[in-house]
Amino acid sequence: MRQRAASLSVFFPAYNEQDIIGTTLARAQEVIPRVARDYEIIVVDDGSSDGTAAIVEEIAGRDAHVRLVRHAANAGYGAALRTGFASARHELVFFTDADGQFDLREIDALLDRLSEAPVVVGFRLRRSDPWYRLVIAKVYNLIIRVVFGLRVRDIDCAYKLLRRDVLQQVMPLESSGAFVSSELLIKLRRLGVPMVEQGVHHYPRKTGVSKGATPRVIAATMRDIVRLRLGRRLA
């Protein structure tokens, strides 16, 4: 039986997820103590206009391992990830989305792969998204591969585990949009940091609505691709 990790930070970026955030945290409170001796569970509320933050605050009041970090206004997915990375205090850092499309119990498989590399990148075995998002994802992955030479099966899969000392080598990240996962992996690869990939299951969203793949998000992502390729600041 694998020993528990010494210390682990888990964070969930969240925006208007009041219908699922309680369930997400309950699962984290069940799973994370089994895999880590010392841990924290962080929700990065990206300026939600619903009751997401209030629910997290109520749970945090009963569990000292749970912490809310809140943006005053919606700043974008990339900004939420940047805040999560900056807020993490422990040796290992893991993040996934708060919307319930991933099973947190599969973190075991990622922890097992840390003996091979300090960065474990999840990829969706079968992506449960509308067809148009699948097409956008395929095109996007191809663009990143051609422009930056990054060969990763599922760049934007929100299921990643990193050693914090390695993560700090590329901090602070600059993108506030959907490009942030690509920026993270591209910069790690440029430093020669080893990575391994691990398949995880992906489930249909049961509550809320997806906030990605809008024209605005796509335009911002393309801008960040051009800027990083030209060596310019993204922010």
Protein backbone atom coordinates (compact mmCIF):
# COMPACT_ATOMS: atom_id res chain seq x y z
CA MET A 1 0.00 0.00 0.00
CA ARG A 2 1.39 3.41 -0.99
CA GLN A 3 2.23 5.73 1.90
CA ARG A 4 0.35 9.00 2.20
CA ALA A 5 2.00 12.11 0.79
CA ALA A 6 3.73 14.29 3.38
CA SER A 7 1.88 17.47 2.41
CA LEU A 8 -0.60 18.36 -0.30
CA SER A 9 -2.41 21.49 -1.43
CA VAL A 10 -5.59 20.87 -3.42
CA PHE A 11 -7.41 23.75 -5.03
CA PHE A 12 -10.56 24.22 -7.06
CA PRO A 13 -11.13 27.28 -9.27
CA ALA A 14 -14.85 28.06 -9.10
CA TYR A 15 -17.22 30.53 -10.70
CA ASN A 16 -20.96 30.38 -9.94
CA GLU A 17 -20.88 26.76 -8.79
CA GLN A 18 -23.25 26.99 -5.81
CA ASP A 19 -25.17 23.88 -6.88
CA ILE A 20 -22.11 21.61 -6.83
CA ILE A 21 -19.45 23.20 -4.62
CA GLY A 22 -20.77 21.61 -1.42
CA THR A 23 -20.62 18.16 -3.00
CA THR A 24 -17.17 18.85 -4.40
CA LEU A 25 -15.82 19.85 -0.99
CA ALA A 26 -17.49 16.89 0.74
CA ARG A 27 -15.71 14.54 -1.64
CA ALA A 28 -12.40 16.35 -1.05
CA GLN A 29 -12.87 16.10 2.72
CA GLU A 30 -13.37 12.37 2.28
CA VAL A 31 -10.56 11.64 -0.18
CA ILE A 32 -7.66 13.98 0.64
CA PRO A 33 -7.04 12.85 4.28
CA ARG A 34 -6.57 9.33 2.90
CA VAL A 35 -3.77 10.36 0.55
CA ALA A 36 -1.94 13.10 2.52
CA ARG A 37 -0.85 13.49 6.13
CA ASP A 38 -0.86 17.30 6.03
CA TYR A 39 -3.16 19.01 3.58
CA GLU A 40 -5.26 22.01 2.66
CA ILE A 41 -8.31 22.33 0.42
CA ILE A 42 -8.65 25.70 -1.26
CA VAL A 43 -11.51 27.10 -3.30
CA VAL A 44 -10.57 30.05 -5.49
CA ASP A 45 -13.86 31.84 -6.01
CA ASP A 46 -13.47 33.92 -9.15
CA GLY A 47 -15.94 36.67 -8.27
CA SER A 48 -19.05 34.48 -8.26
CA SER A 49 -22.38 36.31 -8.22
CA ASP A 50 -24.23 33.40 -6.63
CA GLY A 51 -23.83 31.69 -3.25
CA THR A 52 -20.60 29.81 -4.01
CA ALA A 53 -18.42 31.83 -1.61
CA ALA A 54 -20.98 31.73 1.22
CA ILE A 55 -21.20 27.93 1.01
CA VAL A 56 -17.42 27.59 1.11
CA GLU A 57 -17.15 30.00 4.05
CA GLU A 58 -19.70 27.98 6.00
CA ILE A 59 -17.79 24.73 5.38
CA ALA A 60 -14.45 26.39 6.19
CA GLY A 61 -15.90 27.50 9.50
CA ARG A 62 -16.31 23.85 10.45
CA ASP A 63 -13.11 22.48 8.89
CA ALA A 64 -9.77 24.26 9.35
CA HIS A 65 -8.35 22.41 6.34
CA VAL A 66 -10.76 24.24 4.00
CA ARG A 67 -9.90 27.76 2.89
CA LEU A 68 -11.62 30.30 0.65
CA VAL A 69 -9.64 32.70 -1.52
CA ARG A 70 -11.87 35.14 -3.34
CA HIS A 71 -11.53 37.53 -6.26
CA ALA A 72 -13.59 40.70 -5.82
CA ALA A 73 -14.64 40.47 -9.47
CA ASN A 74 -14.54 37.78 -12.15
CA ALA A 75 -11.00 37.79 -13.54
CA GLY A 76 -10.98 34.66 -15.70
CA TYR A 77 -9.96 31.02 -15.39
CA GLY A 78 -6.27 31.72 -15.78
CA ALA A 79 -6.38 34.29 -12.99
CA ALA A 80 -8.10 31.74 -10.74
CA LEU A 81 -5.37 29.18 -11.43
CA ARG A 82 -2.65 31.74 -10.81
CA THR A 83 -4.22 32.61 -7.47
CA GLY A 84 -4.51 28.94 -6.58
CA PHE A 85 -0.84 28.29 -7.37
CA ALA A 86 0.22 31.36 -5.38
CA SER A 87 -1.96 30.38 -2.41
CA ALA A 88 -0.75 26.77 -2.17
CA ARG A 89 1.51 26.19 0.84
CA HIS A 90 2.41 22.52 0.68
CA GLU A 91 5.01 20.32 -0.99
CA LEU A 92 2.64 18.99 -3.66
CA VAL A 93 0.06 21.04 -5.55
CA PHE A 94 -2.97 19.54 -7.28
CA PHE A 95 -5.87 21.25 -8.99
CA THR A 96 -9.07 20.25 -10.68
CA ASP A 97 -12.31 22.01 -11.55
CA ALA A 98 -15.13 22.41 -9.05
CA ASP A 99 -17.87 21.33 -11.47
CA GLY A 100 -17.84 17.61 -10.70
CA GLN A 101 -16.65 16.40 -14.11
CA PHE A 102 -13.64 14.62 -12.59
CA ASP A 103 -13.46 11.99 -9.87
CA LEU A 104 -11.13 13.16 -7.11
CA ARG A 105 -10.44 9.56 -6.12
CA GLU A 106 -8.29 9.22 -9.23
CA ILE A 107 -5.67 11.45 -7.60
CA ASP A 108 -4.19 8.17 -6.32
CA ALA A 109 -3.02 7.33 -9.84
CA LEU A 110 -1.28 10.70 -10.21
CA LEU A 111 0.45 10.39 -6.84
CA ASP A 112 1.76 6.97 -7.87
CA ARG A 113 3.43 8.52 -10.95
CA LEU A 114 5.43 11.11 -8.99
CA SER A 115 8.28 8.63 -8.68
CA GLU A 116 8.71 9.00 -12.45
CA ALA A 117 8.49 12.78 -12.82
CA PRO A 118 7.75 15.90 -10.74
CA VAL A 119 4.82 16.87 -12.98
CA VAL A 120 1.89 14.55 -13.69
CA VAL A 121 -0.49 15.76 -16.40
CA GLY A 122 -3.92 14.20 -16.62
CA PHE A 123 -5.60 13.47 -19.93
CA ARG A 124 -9.27 12.67 -20.43
CA LEU A 125 -9.76 9.08 -21.55
CA ARG A 126 -13.08 10.03 -23.11
CA ARG A 127 -14.08 13.66 -23.03
CA SER A 128 -17.72 14.31 -22.07
CA ASP A 129 -18.24 17.64 -23.81
CA PRO A 130 -20.33 18.86 -26.76
CA TRP A 131 -18.95 18.05 -30.22
CA TYR A 132 -17.94 21.63 -30.97
CA ARG A 133 -15.74 21.75 -27.87
CA LEU A 134 -14.06 18.53 -28.96
CA VAL A 135 -13.29 20.09 -32.36
CA ILE A 136 -11.95 23.29 -30.76
CA ALA A 137 -9.77 21.23 -28.41
CA LYS A 138 -8.27 19.18 -31.26
CA VAL A 139 -7.45 22.31 -33.27
CA TYR A 140 -6.03 24.04 -30.22
CA ASN A 141 -3.79 21.11 -29.26
CA LEU A 142 -2.50 21.00 -32.84
CA ILE A 143 -1.71 24.73 -32.82
CA ILE A 144 0.22 24.45 -29.54
CA ARG A 145 2.13 21.44 -30.84
CA VAL A 146 3.11 23.21 -34.08
CA VAL A 147 3.92 26.61 -32.57
CA PHE A 148 5.67 25.49 -29.37
CA GLY A 149 6.57 21.84 -29.97
CA LEU A 150 4.64 20.79 -26.86
CA ARG A 151 3.52 17.19 -27.24
CA VAL A 152 0.85 16.64 -24.61
CA ARG A 153 -2.34 14.69 -25.28
CA ASP A 154 -4.74 16.97 -23.42
CA ILE A 155 -3.17 20.32 -22.57
CA ASP A 156 -6.20 21.84 -20.87
CA CYS A 157 -7.21 18.83 -18.80
CA ALA A 158 -7.95 20.27 -15.36
CA TYR A 159 -6.34 17.42 -13.47
CA LYS A 160 -2.67 18.14 -12.78
CA LEU A 161 -0.26 17.40 -9.94
CA LEU A 162 3.06 19.19 -9.49
CA ARG A 163 5.83 19.42 -6.96
CA ARG A 164 5.76 22.93 -5.57
CA ASP A 165 9.52 23.50 -5.93
CA VAL A 166 9.21 22.85 -9.67
CA LEU A 167 6.11 25.01 -9.98
CA GLN A 168 7.93 27.94 -8.38
CA GLN A 169 10.48 27.87 -11.21
CA VAL A 170 7.86 29.21 -13.64
CA MET A 171 6.00 31.50 -11.27
CA PRO A 172 4.44 33.91 -11.61
CA LEU A 173 2.44 32.86 -14.64
CA GLU A 174 1.05 35.71 -16.72
CA SER A 175 -2.05 34.57 -18.60
CA SER A 176 -5.40 35.37 -17.04
CA GLY A 177 -7.31 33.32 -19.62
CA ALA A 178 -7.63 29.79 -20.90
CA PHE A 179 -4.04 29.79 -22.16
CA VAL A 180 -2.70 29.46 -18.61
CA SER A 181 -2.39 25.64 -18.69
CA SER A 182 -0.46 25.84 -21.94
CA GLU A 183 1.76 28.58 -20.56
CA LEU A 184 2.50 26.43 -17.51
CA LEU A 185 3.45 23.34 -19.51
CA ILE A 186 5.36 25.23 -22.21
CA LYS A 187 7.52 27.00 -19.63
CA LEU A 188 8.14 23.78 -17.69
CA ARG A 189 9.15 22.02 -20.90
CA ARG A 190 11.52 24.86 -21.82
CA LEU A 191 13.26 24.29 -18.48
CA GLY A 192 13.56 20.59 -19.26
CA VAL A 193 11.29 19.52 -16.41
CA PRO A 194 10.21 15.87 -16.88
CA MET A 195 6.49 15.19 -17.18
CA VAL A 196 4.37 12.06 -17.34
CA GLU A 197 0.76 11.71 -18.45
CA GLN A 198 -1.99 9.79 -16.71
CA GLY A 199 -5.43 8.97 -18.09
CA VAL A 200 -8.45 9.99 -16.00
CA HIS A 201 -12.17 9.71 -16.50
CA HIS A 202 -14.31 12.70 -17.46
CA TYR A 203 -18.03 12.89 -16.71
CA PRO A 204 -20.90 15.04 -18.03
CA ARG A 205 -21.59 18.26 -16.19
CA LYS A 206 -24.72 17.89 -14.04
CA THR A 207 -25.10 21.46 -12.81
CA GLY A 208 -24.28 24.96 -14.03
CA VAL A 209 -22.95 25.87 -17.44
CA SER A 210 -19.53 25.76 -19.04
CA LYS A 211 -17.73 29.10 -19.11
CA GLY A 212 -15.11 28.27 -21.73
CA ALA A 213 -14.93 28.17 -25.55
CA THR A 214 -16.67 31.53 -26.02
CA PRO A 215 -15.50 33.84 -28.83
CA ARG A 216 -13.99 36.17 -26.24
CA VAL A 217 -12.06 33.34 -24.55
CA ILE A 218 -10.81 32.02 -27.90
CA ALA A 219 -9.67 35.48 -29.03
CA ALA A 220 -7.78 36.06 -25.77
CA THR A 221 -6.13 32.65 -26.08
CA MET A 222 -4.94 33.34 -29.62
CA ARG A 223 -3.52 36.68 -28.46
CA ASP A 224 -1.57 34.94 -25.69
CA ILE A 225 -0.22 32.33 -28.13
CA VAL A 226 1.17 35.06 -30.39
CA ARG A 227 2.63 37.04 -27.49
CA LEU A 228 4.38 34.07 -25.89
CA ARG A 229 5.75 32.95 -29.26
CA LEU A 230 7.17 36.44 -29.80
CA GLY A 231 8.58 36.54 -26.28
CA ARG A 232 6.28 39.31 -25.09
CA ARG A 233 4.50 39.64 -21.77
CA LEU A 234 1.03 38.12 -21.68
CA ALA A 235 -0.44 40.33 -18.97
